[in-house]
């Protein structure tokens, strides 16, 4: 498995992982109709736009030995009022690579990239009922907030986890 910076040519593959991972990981959490209507084509256009932002938007991908994408993490400057410098915008792995340590390696690599850009603290938002949030807690993330969001026609709660010092993740 290899973690590398995403290229513009990865947009369609990132979109595929984005949609498939939502459909795999959020089954039972997010309305099934919403999940079934997610579009790889629509996501590809968004990922092309995001990948054109250059270094201000960090996107790392996880690829297997055959160079198939199986995960990604993206983020950059914080987008909210919280007193942190950076934020994970999206972080998804396909089911077959979850709980094998790759997510931890990706989060550590991402945190190191943020720190290299003088962003030494960060947050991530995660659905309250998503069992993957335990990974953030195990890496020292502290719950700092929660809010209600809408996904499709469904009201859900997101929790925000923060790290005051990314050196705690990078080591």
Protein backbone atom coordinates (compact mmCIF):
# COMPACT_ATOMS: atom_id res chain seq x y z
CA UNK A 1 0.00 0.00 0.00
CA UNK A 2 1.23 3.44 -0.92
CA UNK A 3 0.18 6.91 0.24
CA UNK A 4 0.86 9.74 -2.19
CA UNK A 5 -0.33 13.18 -3.22
CA UNK A 6 -3.35 13.05 -5.52
CA UNK A 7 -3.06 14.13 -9.14
CA UNK A 8 -5.77 15.73 -11.27
CA UNK A 9 -5.96 12.45 -13.19
CA UNK A 10 -7.08 10.74 -9.94
CA UNK A 11 -10.36 12.68 -9.79
CA UNK A 12 -12.61 9.91 -11.17
CA UNK A 13 -11.00 7.25 -8.98
CA UNK A 14 -11.32 9.44 -5.87
CA UNK A 15 -14.97 10.05 -6.77
CA UNK A 16 -15.51 6.29 -7.10
CA UNK A 17 -13.97 5.67 -3.66
CA UNK A 18 -15.97 8.58 -2.22
CA UNK A 19 -19.32 7.20 -3.40
CA UNK A 20 -18.57 3.53 -2.72
CA UNK A 21 -17.19 4.19 0.76
CA UNK A 22 -20.29 6.21 1.67
CA UNK A 23 -22.50 3.41 0.42
CA UNK A 24 -20.49 0.81 2.37
CA UNK A 25 -19.77 2.71 5.59
CA UNK A 26 -22.96 4.71 6.03
CA UNK A 27 -25.43 1.91 5.28
CA UNK A 28 -27.88 2.03 8.17
CA UNK A 29 -26.68 5.50 9.26
CA UNK A 30 -27.66 7.55 6.20
CA UNK A 31 -30.93 7.16 4.29
CA UNK A 32 -30.56 4.34 1.74
CA UNK A 33 -32.30 6.36 -0.99
CA UNK A 34 -29.75 9.16 -0.61
CA UNK A 35 -26.87 6.66 -0.77
CA UNK A 36 -28.24 4.93 -3.87
CA UNK A 37 -28.58 8.24 -5.71
CA UNK A 38 -24.97 9.33 -5.16
CA UNK A 39 -23.25 9.91 -8.50
CA UNK A 40 -19.63 9.17 -9.35
CA UNK A 41 -19.92 11.54 -12.35
CA UNK A 42 -21.10 14.42 -10.15
CA UNK A 43 -18.37 13.75 -7.60
CA UNK A 44 -15.72 13.54 -10.36
CA UNK A 45 -16.51 17.11 -11.43
CA UNK A 46 -16.20 18.30 -7.82
CA UNK A 47 -12.92 16.45 -7.30
CA UNK A 48 -11.47 17.93 -10.49
CA UNK A 49 -12.35 21.37 -9.13
CA UNK A 50 -10.84 20.64 -5.71
CA UNK A 51 -7.66 19.12 -7.16
CA UNK A 52 -7.09 22.26 -9.23
CA UNK A 53 -6.77 24.30 -6.01
CA UNK A 54 -3.15 23.28 -5.68
CA UNK A 55 -1.34 23.17 -2.36
CA UNK A 56 -4.10 25.03 -0.49
CA UNK A 57 -6.14 21.81 -0.63
CA UNK A 58 -4.13 18.77 0.47
CA UNK A 59 -5.39 15.51 -1.04
CA UNK A 60 -3.63 12.24 -0.32
CA UNK A 61 -4.64 8.88 -1.78
CA UNK A 62 -4.07 5.30 -0.68
CA UNK A 63 -3.34 2.88 -3.48
CA UNK A 64 -2.76 -0.87 -3.47
CA UNK A 65 0.02 -2.81 -5.19
CA UNK A 66 -1.87 -2.65 -8.52
CA UNK A 67 -2.21 1.15 -8.11
CA UNK A 68 -5.97 0.94 -7.48
CA UNK A 69 -7.21 3.70 -5.18
CA UNK A 70 -8.77 2.41 -1.97
CA UNK A 71 -8.90 5.57 0.13
CA UNK A 72 -8.27 9.28 0.36
CA UNK A 73 -8.00 12.13 2.82
CA UNK A 74 -8.38 15.81 1.98
CA UNK A 75 -8.26 19.08 3.85
CA UNK A 76 -6.52 22.35 4.42
CA UNK A 77 -7.26 25.57 6.26
CA UNK A 78 -10.04 25.45 8.82
CA UNK A 79 -13.48 26.40 7.50
CA UNK A 80 -15.19 27.16 10.80
CA UNK A 81 -14.96 29.44 13.83
CA UNK A 82 -13.00 26.96 15.94
CA UNK A 83 -9.52 28.06 17.16
CA UNK A 84 -7.60 25.52 15.08
CA UNK A 85 -5.47 26.03 11.97
CA UNK A 86 -6.35 23.02 9.79
CA UNK A 87 -9.23 20.72 9.02
CA UNK A 88 -9.83 17.30 7.52
CA UNK A 89 -12.57 17.90 4.94
CA UNK A 90 -13.09 14.31 3.82
CA UNK A 91 -11.53 10.99 4.80
CA UNK A 92 -12.78 7.71 3.38
CA UNK A 93 -11.48 4.18 2.95
CA UNK A 94 -13.09 1.29 1.14
CA UNK A 95 -14.36 -1.38 3.52
CA UNK A 96 -11.69 -3.98 2.63
CA UNK A 97 -8.84 -1.72 3.84
CA UNK A 98 -10.52 -0.43 7.00
CA UNK A 99 -9.22 -1.41 10.45
CA UNK A 100 -5.82 -2.45 9.11
CA UNK A 101 -3.80 0.60 10.17
CA UNK A 102 -3.92 2.40 6.81
CA UNK A 103 -6.27 5.10 8.10
CA UNK A 104 -3.91 5.88 10.96
CA UNK A 105 -0.97 6.12 8.54
CA UNK A 106 -2.99 8.40 6.26
CA UNK A 107 -4.06 10.68 9.12
CA UNK A 108 -0.47 10.91 10.36
CA UNK A 109 0.81 11.71 6.87
CA UNK A 110 -1.92 14.33 6.43
CA UNK A 111 -1.12 15.90 9.83
CA UNK A 112 2.57 16.08 8.85
CA UNK A 113 1.59 17.86 5.59
CA UNK A 114 -0.50 20.37 7.55
CA UNK A 115 2.34 20.96 10.00
CA UNK A 116 4.74 21.49 7.09
CA UNK A 117 2.37 24.26 5.97
CA UNK A 118 2.51 25.87 9.44
CA UNK A 119 -0.89 24.51 10.48
CA UNK A 120 -0.08 22.84 13.79
CA UNK A 121 -3.60 22.05 14.98
CA UNK A 122 -6.65 20.57 13.29
CA UNK A 123 -10.22 19.38 13.52
CA UNK A 124 -12.32 16.71 11.84
CA UNK A 125 -16.12 16.35 11.73
CA UNK A 126 -17.59 12.84 11.90
CA UNK A 127 -21.11 11.46 12.14
CA UNK A 128 -21.91 10.79 15.80
CA UNK A 129 -23.00 7.20 15.11
CA UNK A 130 -20.02 6.38 12.89
CA UNK A 131 -17.94 3.73 14.69
CA UNK A 132 -14.81 4.97 12.86
CA UNK A 133 -14.71 7.97 15.20
CA UNK A 134 -12.96 5.72 17.72
CA UNK A 135 -9.81 6.04 15.60
CA UNK A 136 -9.76 9.80 16.24
CA UNK A 137 -10.12 9.26 19.97
CA UNK A 138 -7.33 6.68 19.99
CA UNK A 139 -5.04 9.22 18.27
CA UNK A 140 -5.69 11.85 20.95
CA UNK A 141 -8.56 13.76 19.37
CA UNK A 142 -10.79 15.55 21.88
CA UNK A 143 -14.46 16.17 21.25
CA UNK A 144 -14.88 19.94 21.04
CA UNK A 145 -18.31 20.43 19.47
CA UNK A 146 -21.32 18.87 17.81
CA UNK A 147 -23.98 20.13 15.45
CA UNK A 148 -27.03 18.95 13.58
CA UNK A 149 -26.65 18.61 9.82
CA UNK A 150 -28.88 17.60 6.94
CA UNK A 151 -27.92 14.81 4.55
CA UNK A 152 -30.68 14.60 1.99
CA UNK A 153 -33.88 14.85 4.03
CA UNK A 154 -32.32 13.33 7.13
CA UNK A 155 -31.21 15.19 10.26
CA UNK A 156 -28.01 13.78 11.73
CA UNK A 157 -25.55 14.80 14.42
CA UNK A 158 -21.90 15.41 13.59
CA UNK A 159 -19.22 15.57 16.26
CA UNK A 160 -16.07 17.65 15.96
CA UNK A 161 -12.76 16.31 17.25
CA UNK A 162 -9.70 18.52 17.63
CA UNK A 163 -5.98 18.26 18.17
CA UNK A 164 -4.21 21.27 19.70
CA UNK A 165 -0.78 20.01 18.64
CA UNK A 166 -0.30 17.84 15.55
CA UNK A 167 3.03 16.60 16.90
CA UNK A 168 0.97 14.19 19.03
CA UNK A 169 -0.36 12.51 15.85
CA UNK A 170 2.79 12.68 13.76
CA UNK A 171 4.87 10.62 16.20
